[in-house]
PDB file of N, CA and C in Angstrom:
ATOM      1  N   UNK A   1     101.999  65.323  54.109  1.00  0.00           N
ATOM      2  CA  UNK A   1     101.629  65.311  52.713  1.00  0.00           C
ATOM      3  C   UNK A   1     100.557  64.252  52.493  1.00  0.00           C
ATOM      4  N   UNK A   2      99.605  64.598  51.660  1.00  0.00           N
ATOM      5  CA  UNK A   2      98.575  63.618  51.342  1.00  0.00           C
ATOM      6  C   UNK A   2      99.006  62.816  50.114  1.00  0.00           C
ATOM      7  N   UNK A   3      98.105  62.005  49.614  1.00  0.00           N
ATOM      8  CA  UNK A   3      98.456  61.108  48.512  1.00  0.00           C
ATOM      9  C   UNK A   3      98.715  61.838  47.194  1.00  0.00           C
ATOM     10  N   UNK A   4      98.299  63.141  47.120  1.00  0.00           N
ATOM     11  CA  UNK A   4      98.530  63.908  45.909  1.00  0.00           C
ATOM     12  C   UNK A   4      99.771  64.790  46.009  1.00  0.00           C
ATOM     13  N   UNK A   5     100.481  64.686  47.123  1.00  0.00           N
ATOM     14  CA  UNK A   5     101.698  65.460  47.304  1.00  0.00           C
ATOM     15  C   UNK A   5     101.462  66.857  47.855  1.00  0.00           C
ATOM     16  N   UNK A   6     100.238  67.133  48.252  1.00  0.00           N
ATOM     17  CA  UNK A   6      99.911  68.440  48.826  1.00  0.00           C
ATOM     18  C   UNK A   6     100.035  68.356  50.348  1.00  0.00           C
ATOM     19  N   UNK A   7     100.337  69.452  50.989  1.00  0.00           N
ATOM     20  CA  UNK A   7     100.453  69.432  52.445  1.00  0.00           C
ATOM     21  C   UNK A   7      99.103  69.124  53.097  1.00  0.00           C
ATOM     22  N   UNK A   8      99.139  68.374  54.183  1.00  0.00           N
ATOM     23  CA  UNK A   8      97.919  68.009  54.918  1.00  0.00           C
ATOM     24  C   UNK A   8      97.609  69.129  55.914  1.00  0.00           C
ATOM     25  N   UNK A   9      96.504  69.820  55.736  1.00  0.00           N
ATOM     26  CA  UNK A   9      96.125  70.950  56.591  1.00  0.00           C
ATOM     27  C   UNK A   9      94.936  70.628  57.490  1.00  0.00           C
ATOM     28  N   UNK A  10      94.570  69.358  57.569  1.00  0.00           N
ATOM     29  CA  UNK A  10      93.419  69.014  58.406  1.00  0.00           C
ATOM     30  C   UNK A  10      93.706  69.304  59.874  1.00  0.00           C
ATOM     31  N   UNK A  11      94.950  69.121  60.302  1.00  0.00           N
ATOM     32  CA  UNK A  11      95.321  69.447  61.684  1.00  0.00           C
ATOM     33  C   UNK A  11      95.188  70.940  61.959  1.00  0.00           C
ATOM     34  N   UNK A  12      95.487  71.750  60.965  1.00  0.00           N
ATOM     35  CA  UNK A  12      95.352  73.193  61.101  1.00  0.00           C
ATOM     36  C   UNK A  12      93.895  73.567  61.333  1.00  0.00           C
ATOM     37  N   UNK A  13      93.005  72.982  60.546  1.00  0.00           N
ATOM     38  CA  UNK A  13      91.577  73.288  60.703  1.00  0.00           C
ATOM     39  C   UNK A  13      91.048  72.805  62.052  1.00  0.00           C
ATOM     40  N   UNK A  14      91.485  71.645  62.476  1.00  0.00           N
ATOM     41  CA  UNK A  14      91.062  71.139  63.788  1.00  0.00           C
ATOM     42  C   UNK A  14      91.553  72.080  64.883  1.00  0.00           C
ATOM     43  N   UNK A  15      92.776  72.532  64.795  1.00  0.00           N
ATOM     44  CA  UNK A  15      93.319  73.466  65.775  1.00  0.00           C
ATOM     45  C   UNK A  15      92.580  74.796  65.777  1.00  0.00           C
ATOM     46  N   UNK A  16      92.250  75.294  64.577  1.00  0.00           N
ATOM     47  CA  UNK A  16      91.497  76.548  64.490  1.00  0.00           C
ATOM     48  C   UNK A  16      90.108  76.410  65.101  1.00  0.00           C
ATOM     49  N   UNK A  17      89.444  75.295  64.852  1.00  0.00           N
ATOM     50  CA  UNK A  17      88.101  75.070  65.415  1.00  0.00           C
ATOM     51  C   UNK A  17      88.183  74.977  66.936  1.00  0.00           C
ATOM     52  N   UNK A  18      89.173  74.244  67.444  1.00  0.00           N
ATOM     53  CA  UNK A  18      89.325  74.120  68.901  1.00  0.00           C
ATOM     54  C   UNK A  18      89.649  75.487  69.514  1.00  0.00           C
ATOM     55  N   UNK A  19      90.541  76.222  68.876  1.00  0.00           N
ATOM     56  CA  UNK A  19      90.885  77.564  69.371  1.00  0.00           C
ATOM     57  C   UNK A  19      89.681  78.488  69.371  1.00  0.00           C
ATOM     58  N   UNK A  20      88.890  78.449  68.312  1.00  0.00           N
ATOM     59  CA  UNK A  20      87.686  79.270  68.241  1.00  0.00           C
ATOM     60  C   UNK A  20      86.702  78.886  69.348  1.00  0.00           C
ATOM     61  N   UNK A  21      86.544  77.586  69.582  1.00  0.00           N
ATOM     62  CA  UNK A  21      85.642  77.119  70.636  1.00  0.00           C
ATOM     63  C   UNK A  21      86.116  77.607  72.005  1.00  0.00           C
ATOM     64  N   UNK A  22      87.409  77.563  72.233  1.00  0.00           N
ATOM     65  CA  UNK A  22      87.945  78.033  73.517  1.00  0.00           C
ATOM     66  C   UNK A  22      87.700  79.527  73.683  1.00  0.00           C
ATOM     67  N   UNK A  23      87.910  80.293  72.632  1.00  0.00           N
ATOM     68  CA  UNK A  23      87.675  81.738  72.696  1.00  0.00           C
ATOM     69  C   UNK A  23      86.200  82.024  72.988  1.00  0.00           C
ATOM     70  N   UNK A  24      85.291  81.302  72.348  1.00  0.00           N
ATOM     71  CA  UNK A  24      83.860  81.497  72.587  1.00  0.00           C
ATOM     72  C   UNK A  24      83.514  81.184  74.041  1.00  0.00           C
ATOM     73  N   UNK A  25      84.049  80.094  74.570  1.00  0.00           N
ATOM     74  CA  UNK A  25      83.777  79.722  75.964  1.00  0.00           C
ATOM     75  C   UNK A  25      84.303  80.801  76.910  1.00  0.00           C
ATOM     76  N   UNK A  26      85.499  81.299  76.656  1.00  0.00           N
ATOM     77  CA  UNK A  26      86.072  82.338  77.519  1.00  0.00           C
ATOM     78  C   UNK A  26      85.222  83.606  77.459  1.00  0.00           C
ATOM     79  N   UNK A  27      84.781  83.992  76.288  1.00  0.00           N
ATOM     80  CA  UNK A  27      83.948  85.193  76.148  1.00  0.00           C
ATOM     81  C   UNK A  27      82.632  85.015  76.902  1.00  0.00           C
ATOM     82  N   UNK A  28      82.027  83.850  76.813  1.00  0.00           N
ATOM     83  CA  UNK A  28      80.770  83.589  77.527  1.00  0.00           C
ATOM     84  C   UNK A  28      81.002  83.642  79.038  1.00  0.00           C
ATOM     85  N   UNK A  29      82.068  83.022  79.522  1.00  0.00           N
ATOM     86  CA  UNK A  29      82.361  83.022  80.962  1.00  0.00           C
ATOM     87  C   UNK A  29      82.626  84.443  81.454  1.00  0.00           C
ATOM     88  N   UNK A  30      83.393  85.217  80.717  1.00  0.00           N
ATOM     89  CA  UNK A  30      83.672  86.597  81.115  1.00  0.00           C
ATOM     90  C   UNK A  30      82.383  87.422  81.101  1.00  0.00           C
ATOM     91  N   UNK A  31      81.537  87.203  80.123  1.00  0.00           N
ATOM     92  CA  UNK A  31      80.255  87.910  80.074  1.00  0.00           C
ATOM     93  C   UNK A  31      79.386  87.599  81.281  1.00  0.00           C
ATOM     94  N   UNK A  32      79.327  86.329  81.653  1.00  0.00           N
ATOM     95  CA  UNK A  32      78.550  85.929  82.832  1.00  0.00           C
ATOM     96  C   UNK A  32      79.133  86.560  84.091  1.00  0.00           C
ATOM     97  N   UNK A  33      80.461  86.545  84.212  1.00  0.00           N
ATOM     98  CA  UNK A  33      81.098  87.156  85.384  1.00  0.00           C
ATOM     99  C   UNK A  33      80.822  88.653  85.464  1.00  0.00           C
ATOM    100  N   UNK A  34      80.862  89.346  84.335  1.00  0.00           N
ATOM    101  CA  UNK A  34      80.571  90.778  84.334  1.00  0.00           C
ATOM    102  C   UNK A  34      79.118  91.050  84.701  1.00  0.00           C
ATOM    103  N   UNK A  35      78.215  90.212  84.238  1.00  0.00           N
ATOM    104  CA  UNK A  35      76.800  90.371  84.579  1.00  0.00           C
ATOM    105  C   UNK A  35      76.594  90.171  86.080  1.00  0.00           C
ATOM    106  N   UNK A  36      77.220  89.137  86.638  1.00  0.00           N
ATOM    107  CA  UNK A  36      77.099  88.885  88.071  1.00  0.00           C
ATOM    108  C   UNK A  36      77.735  90.003  88.881  1.00  0.00           C
ATOM    109  N   UNK A  37      78.861  90.516  88.431  1.00  0.00           N
ATOM    110  CA  UNK A  37      79.510  91.631  89.130  1.00  0.00           C
ATOM    111  C   UNK A  37      78.612  92.865  89.119  1.00  0.00           C
ATOM    112  N   UNK A  38      77.918  93.092  88.030  1.00  0.00           N
ATOM    113  CA  UNK A  38      76.999  94.222  87.946  1.00  0.00           C
ATOM    114  C   UNK A  38      75.847  94.051  88.937  1.00  0.00           C
ATOM    115  N   UNK A  39      75.313  92.851  89.030  1.00  0.00           N
ATOM    116  CA  UNK A  39      74.239  92.586  90.001  1.00  0.00           C
ATOM    117  C   UNK A  39      74.732  92.788  91.426  1.00  0.00           C
ATOM    118  N   UNK A  40      75.919  92.278  91.719  1.00  0.00           N
ATOM    119  CA  UNK A  40      76.485  92.424  93.067  1.00  0.00           C
ATOM    120  C   UNK A  40      76.684  93.904  93.383  1.00  0.00           C
ATOM    121  N   UNK A  41      77.160  94.673  92.415  1.00  0.00           N
ATOM    122  CA  UNK A  41      77.355  96.106  92.613  1.00  0.00           C
ATOM    123  C   UNK A  41      76.031  96.792  92.930  1.00  0.00           C
ATOM    124  N   UNK A  42      74.981  96.458  92.205  1.00  0.00           N
ATOM    125  CA  UNK A  42      73.673  97.063  92.450  1.00  0.00           C
ATOM    126  C   UNK A  42      73.155  96.693  93.835  1.00  0.00           C
ATOM    127  N   UNK A  43      73.306  95.430  94.221  1.00  0.00           N
ATOM    128  CA  UNK A  43      72.844  94.990  95.535  1.00  0.00           C
ATOM    129  C   UNK A  43      73.664  95.623  96.650  1.00  0.00           C
ATOM    130  N   UNK A  44      74.965  95.782  96.441  1.00  0.00           N
ATOM    131  CA  UNK A  44      75.809  96.424  97.450  1.00  0.00           C
ATOM    132  C   UNK A  44      75.419  97.892  97.618  1.00  0.00           C
ATOM    133  N   UNK A  45      75.125  98.562  96.527  1.00  0.00           N
ATOM    134  CA  UNK A  45      74.674  99.955  96.605  1.00  0.00           C
ATOM    135  C   UNK A  45      73.373 100.080  97.375  1.00  0.00           C
ATOM    136  N   UNK A  46      72.446  99.156  97.109  1.00  0.00           N
ATOM    137  CA  UNK A  46      71.177  99.166  97.848  1.00  0.00           C
ATOM    138  C   UNK A  46      71.408  98.901  99.328  1.00  0.00           C
ATOM    139  N   UNK A  47      72.307  97.991  99.639  1.00  0.00           N
ATOM    140  CA  UNK A  47      72.605  97.683 101.048  1.00  0.00           C
ATOM    141  C   UNK A  47      73.209  98.890 101.750  1.00  0.00           C
ATOM    142  N   UNK A  48      74.087  99.614 101.084  1.00  0.00           N
ATOM    143  CA  UNK A  48      74.702 100.797 101.691  1.00  0.00           C
ATOM    144  C   UNK A  48      73.640 101.857 101.959  1.00  0.00           C
ATOM    145  N   UNK A  49      72.722 102.047 101.005  1.00  0.00           N
ATOM    146  CA  UNK A  49      71.648 103.028 101.218  1.00  0.00           C
ATOM    147  C   UNK A  49      70.763 102.624 102.389  1.00  0.00           C
ATOM    148  N   UNK A  50      70.427 101.348 102.478  1.00  0.00           N
ATOM    149  CA  UNK A  50      69.589 100.876 103.581  1.00  0.00           C
ATOM    150  C   UNK A  50      70.305 101.003 104.919  1.00  0.00           C
ATOM    151  N   UNK A  51      71.602 100.733 104.943  1.00  0.00           N
ATOM    152  CA  UNK A  51      72.358 100.893 106.186  1.00  0.00           C
ATOM    153  C   UNK A  51      72.400 102.350 106.629  1.00  0.00           C
ATOM    154  N   UNK A  52      72.520 103.253 105.688  1.00  0.00           N
ATOM    155  CA  UNK A  52      72.519 104.684 106.027  1.00  0.00           C
ATOM    156  C   UNK A  52      71.168 105.081 106.614  1.00  0.00           C
ATOM    157  N   UNK A  53      70.078 104.581 106.025  1.00  0.00           N
ATOM    158  CA  UNK A  53      68.750 104.866 106.560  1.00  0.00           C
ATOM    159  C   UNK A  53      68.591 104.271 107.956  1.00  0.00           C
ATOM    160  N   UNK A  54      69.089 103.066 108.136  1.00  0.00           N
ATOM    161  CA  UNK A  54      68.983 102.410 109.436  1.00  0.00           C
ATOM    162  C   UNK A  54      69.761 103.192 110.490  1.00  0.00           C
ATOM    163  N   UNK A  55      70.894 103.718 110.112  1.00  0.00           N
ATOM    164  CA  UNK A  55      71.710 104.476 111.064  1.00  0.00           C
ATOM    165  C   UNK A  55      70.967 105.714 111.537  1.00  0.00           C
ATOM    166  N   UNK A  56      70.327 106.424 110.619  1.00  0.00           N
ATOM    167  CA  UNK A  56      69.603 107.631 111.027  1.00  0.00           C
ATOM    168  C   UNK A  56      68.399 107.285 111.897  1.00  0.00           C
ATOM    169  N   UNK A  57      67.796 106.142 111.639  1.00  0.00           N
ATOM    170  CA  UNK A  57      66.629 105.743 112.431  1.00  0.00           C
ATOM    171  C   UNK A  57      67.050 105.276 113.824  1.00  0.00           C
ATOM    172  N   UNK A  58      68.183 104.603 113.936  1.00  0.00           N
ATOM    173  CA  UNK A  58      68.601 104.053 115.228  1.00  0.00           C
ATOM    174  C   UNK A  58      69.500 104.993 116.024  1.00  0.00           C
ATOM    175  N   UNK A  59      69.872 106.131 115.472  1.00  0.00           N
ATOM    176  CA  UNK A  59      70.719 107.089 116.171  1.00  0.00           C
ATOM    177  C   UNK A  59      70.105 107.517 117.506  1.00  0.00           C
ATOM    178  N   UNK A  60      68.806 107.730 117.612  1.00  0.00           N
ATOM    179  CA  UNK A  60      68.231 108.126 118.905  1.00  0.00           C
ATOM    180  C   UNK A  60      68.421 107.077 120.006  1.00  0.00           C
ATOM    181  N   UNK A  61      68.665 105.833 119.658  1.00  0.00           N
ATOM    182  CA  UNK A  61      68.874 104.820 120.685  1.00  0.00           C
ATOM    183  C   UNK A  61      70.122 105.115 121.508  1.00  0.00           C
ATOM    184  N   UNK A  62      71.138 105.686 120.896  1.00  0.00           N
ATOM    185  CA  UNK A  62      72.328 106.081 121.653  1.00  0.00           C
ATOM    186  C   UNK A  62      71.968 107.178 122.648  1.00  0.00           C
ATOM    187  N   UNK A  63      71.143 108.104 122.222  1.00  0.00           N
ATOM    188  CA  UNK A  63      70.700 109.175 123.112  1.00  0.00           C
ATOM    189  C   UNK A  63      69.849 108.615 124.246  1.00  0.00           C
ATOM    190  N   UNK A  64      69.090 107.574 123.970  1.00  0.00           N
ATOM    191  CA  UNK A  64      68.261 106.957 124.997  1.00  0.00           C
ATOM    192  C   UNK A  64      69.131 106.370 126.110  1.00  0.00           C
ATOM    193  N   UNK A  65      70.233 105.740 125.755  1.00  0.00           N
ATOM    194  CA  UNK A  65      71.134 105.179 126.763  1.00  0.00           C
ATOM    195  C   UNK A  65      71.724 106.299 127.624  1.00  0.00           C
ATOM    196  N   UNK A  66      72.112 107.397 126.997  1.00  0.00           N
ATOM    197  CA  UNK A  66      72.663 108.530 127.748  1.00  0.00           C
ATOM    198  C   UNK A  66      71.593 109.138 128.663  1.00  0.00           C
ATOM    199  N   UNK A  67      70.378 109.266 128.165  1.00  0.00           N
ATOM    200  CA  UNK A  67      69.271 109.785 128.978  1.00  0.00           C
ATOM    201  C   UNK A  67      69.001 108.876 130.162  1.00  0.00           C
ATOM    202  N   UNK A  68      69.049 107.588 129.946  1.00  0.00           N
ATOM    203  CA  UNK A  68      68.840 106.623 131.030  1.00  0.00           C
ATOM    204  C   UNK A  68      69.899 106.796 132.114  1.00  0.00           C
ATOM    205  N   UNK A  69      71.146 106.959 131.721  1.00  0.00           N
ATOM    206  CA  UNK A  69      72.224 107.155 132.696  1.00  0.00           C
ATOM    207  C   UNK A  69      72.005 108.443 133.495  1.00  0.00           C
ATOM    208  N   UNK A  70      71.615 109.515 132.816  1.00  0.00           N
ATOM    209  CA  UNK A  70      71.358 110.781 133.513  1.00  0.00           C
ATOM    210  C   UNK A  70      70.191 110.653 134.484  1.00  0.00           C
ATOM    211  N   UNK A  71      69.134 109.967 134.069  1.00  0.00           N
ATOM    212  CA  UNK A  71      67.982 109.789 134.960  1.00  0.00           C
ATOM    213  C   UNK A  71      68.347 108.949 136.180  1.00  0.00           C
ATOM    214  N   UNK A  72      69.169 107.958 135.984  1.00  0.00           N
ATOM    215  CA  UNK A  72      69.616 107.150 137.135  1.00  0.00           C
ATOM    216  C   UNK A  72      70.453 107.999 138.089  1.00  0.00           C
ATOM    217  N   UNK A  73      71.289 108.876 137.544  1.00  0.00           N
ATOM    218  CA  UNK A  73      72.090 109.773 138.382  1.00  0.00           C
ATOM    219  C   UNK A  73      71.187 110.721 139.168  1.00  0.00           C
ATOM    220  N   UNK A  74      70.177 111.266 138.508  1.00  0.00           N
ATOM    221  CA  UNK A  74      69.227 112.157 139.188  1.00  0.00           C
ATOM    222  C   UNK A  74      68.477 111.400 140.283  1.00  0.00           C
ATOM    223  N   UNK A  75      68.076 110.165 139.985  1.00  0.00           N
ATOM    224  CA  UNK A  75      67.360 109.350 140.964  1.00  0.00           C
ATOM    225  C   UNK A  75      68.239 109.063 142.184  1.00  0.00           C
ATOM    226  N   UNK A  76      69.508 108.769 141.949  1.00  0.00           N
ATOM    227  CA  UNK A  76      70.409 108.542 143.080  1.00  0.00           C
ATOM    228  C   UNK A  76      70.570 109.818 143.911  1.00  0.00           C
ATOM    229  N   UNK A  77      70.683 110.956 143.246  1.00  0.00           N
ATOM    230  CA  UNK A  77      70.782 112.234 143.950  1.00  0.00           C
ATOM    231  C   UNK A  77      69.516 112.534 144.748  1.00  0.00           C
ATOM    232  N   UNK A  78      68.367 112.246 144.157  1.00  0.00           N
ATOM    233  CA  UNK A  78      67.103 112.485 144.852  1.00  0.00           C
ATOM    234  C   UNK A  78      66.981 111.568 146.068  1.00  0.00           C
ATOM    235  N   UNK A  79      67.422 110.330 145.923  1.00  0.00           N
ATOM    236  CA  UNK A  79      67.384 109.392 147.049  1.00  0.00           C
ATOM    237  C   UNK A  79      68.302 109.869 148.168  1.00  0.00           C
ATOM    238  N   UNK A  80      69.475 110.370 147.817  1.00  0.00           N
ATOM    239  CA  UNK A  80      70.409 110.908 148.821  1.00  0.00           C
ATOM    240  C   UNK A  80      69.798 112.122 149.519  1.00  0.00           C
ATOM    241  N   UNK A  81      69.161 113.000 148.748  1.00  0.00           N
ATOM    242  CA  UNK A  81      68.542 114.184 149.328  1.00  0.00           C
ATOM    243  C   UNK A  81      67.396 113.792 150.255  1.00  0.00           C
ATOM    244  N   UNK A  82      66.627 112.819 149.848  1.00  0.00           N
ATOM    245  CA  UNK A  82      65.502 112.342 150.685  1.00  0.00           C
ATOM    246  C   UNK A  82      66.022 111.803 152.005  1.00  0.00           C
ATOM    247  N   UNK A  83      67.069 110.992 151.948  1.00  0.00           N
ATOM    248  CA  UNK A  83      67.639 110.427 153.193  1.00  0.00           C
ATOM    249  C   UNK A  83      68.205 111.542 154.059  1.00  0.00           C
ATOM    250  N   UNK A  84      68.817 112.536 153.435  1.00  0.00           N
ATOM    251  CA  UNK A  84      69.387 113.642 154.198  1.00  0.00           C
ATOM    252  C   UNK A  84      68.299 114.462 154.897  1.00  0.00           C
ATOM    253  N   UNK A  85      67.127 114.519 154.266  1.00  0.00           N
ATOM    254  CA  UNK A  85      66.026 115.280 154.849  1.00  0.00           C
ATOM    255  C   UNK A  85      65.229 114.443 155.848  1.00  0.00           C
ATOM    256  N   UNK A  86      65.615 113.188 156.022  1.00  0.00           N
ATOM    257  CA  UNK A  86      64.952 112.317 156.995  1.00  0.00           C
ATOM    258  C   UNK A  86      63.758 111.575 156.448  1.00  0.00           C
ATOM    259  N   UNK A  87      63.672 111.409 155.157  1.00  0.00           N
ATOM    260  CA  UNK A  87      62.496 110.762 154.592  1.00  0.00           C
ATOM    261  C   UNK A  87      62.739 109.458 154.010  1.00  0.00           C
TER     262      UNK A  87
END
């Protein structure tokens, strides 16, 4: 009660201002987090697309290793045939 016998509501106003400030801070932080999540999502999508392109470009390298193995096998066979023929 104040000096006029009325209830003192200054604490109520201080609490409301502090509560409002906290709500504003939380909204700003959540907004920033959502913006960053959106950027991360866009960058992740771009990375997935680039990885898919890279996979199609590098797929022939697997075939190159298999071709190399086959050529080495043919070379060994040719060397065996040459030795068998006396050369």
